[in-house]
Amino acid sequence: MVFEDGTHYEGEFKSAGIFCGKGTLTFRSGDKLEGNMNGAWNEGVKVIATLHMNKASGTAQPNSKPV
């Protein structure tokens, strides 16, 4: 599934547009969420995953506090 902003999802679906199970959500920046996702994109998705940040695009410094 590919979204308008270039984000794409590869993984399990319950039905068209409804995530249900293991998958990878890759953002345009190259950052990735890998894990379990359940729900519809436009209604909210419950995510239990690991975030892998693309070091080339990341601007956050290690141990920095959120703005």
Protein backbone atom coordinates (compact mmCIF):
# COMPACT_ATOMS: atom_id res chain seq x y z
CA MET A 1 0.00 0.00 0.00
CA VAL A 2 1.46 3.38 -1.05
CA PHE A 3 0.22 6.71 0.33
CA GLU A 4 0.20 10.12 -1.40
CA ASP A 5 3.21 11.40 0.59
CA GLY A 6 5.41 8.47 -0.47
CA THR A 7 4.95 6.47 2.74
CA HIS A 8 4.40 2.78 2.02
CA TYR A 9 3.35 -0.30 3.95
CA GLU A 10 4.29 -3.90 3.32
CA GLY A 11 2.66 -6.54 5.47
CA GLU A 12 -0.54 -8.20 6.57
CA PHE A 13 -4.03 -6.77 6.06
CA LYS A 14 -7.42 -7.73 7.53
CA SER A 15 -9.15 -6.29 4.46
CA ALA A 16 -8.58 -3.44 2.01
CA GLY A 17 -6.88 -0.59 3.88
CA ILE A 18 -7.03 -2.21 7.33
CA PHE A 19 -3.71 -3.28 8.82
CA CYS A 20 -3.78 -6.48 10.84
CA GLY A 21 -0.53 -8.17 11.84
CA LYS A 22 3.15 -7.91 11.09
CA GLY A 23 4.40 -5.30 8.68
CA THR A 24 6.82 -2.51 7.85
CA LEU A 25 5.78 1.10 7.41
CA THR A 26 8.45 3.06 5.52
CA PHE A 27 8.25 6.86 5.55
CA ARG A 28 9.49 9.14 2.76
CA SER A 29 12.45 10.08 4.97
CA GLY A 30 13.59 6.45 5.01
CA ASP A 31 12.60 5.93 8.66
CA LYS A 32 10.86 2.57 9.22
CA LEU A 33 8.44 1.10 11.76
CA GLU A 34 8.68 -2.68 11.93
CA GLY A 35 6.26 -4.68 14.05
CA ASN A 36 2.55 -5.31 14.60
CA MET A 37 -0.01 -2.84 13.28
CA ASN A 38 -3.78 -3.01 13.64
CA GLY A 39 -6.41 -0.58 12.42
CA ALA A 40 -7.34 1.71 9.54
CA TRP A 41 -4.96 4.49 8.47
CA ASN A 42 -7.69 7.16 8.50
CA GLU A 43 -9.15 6.03 11.86
CA GLY A 44 -5.99 5.33 13.82
CA VAL A 45 -3.55 2.45 13.89
CA LYS A 46 -2.36 0.66 17.03
CA VAL A 47 1.37 0.07 16.66
CA ILE A 48 3.72 -2.13 18.65
CA ALA A 49 6.93 -1.74 16.72
CA THR A 50 10.57 -0.76 16.56
CA LEU A 51 11.48 2.54 14.92
CA HIS A 52 14.56 2.42 12.69
CA MET A 53 15.68 5.96 11.89
CA ASN A 54 17.44 6.76 8.64
CA LYS A 55 20.67 8.32 9.87
CA ALA A 56 21.14 10.28 6.65
CA SER A 57 17.85 12.17 7.19
CA GLY A 58 17.78 12.38 10.98
CA THR A 59 18.36 15.72 12.63
CA ALA A 60 17.82 14.62 16.23
CA GLN A 61 20.88 14.33 18.41
CA PRO A 62 21.34 11.24 20.61
CA ASN A 63 19.89 11.71 24.10
CA SER A 64 18.21 14.95 23.06
CA LYS A 65 14.90 15.97 24.60
CA PRO A 66 11.81 16.41 22.39
CA VAL A 67 11.03 19.98 21.40
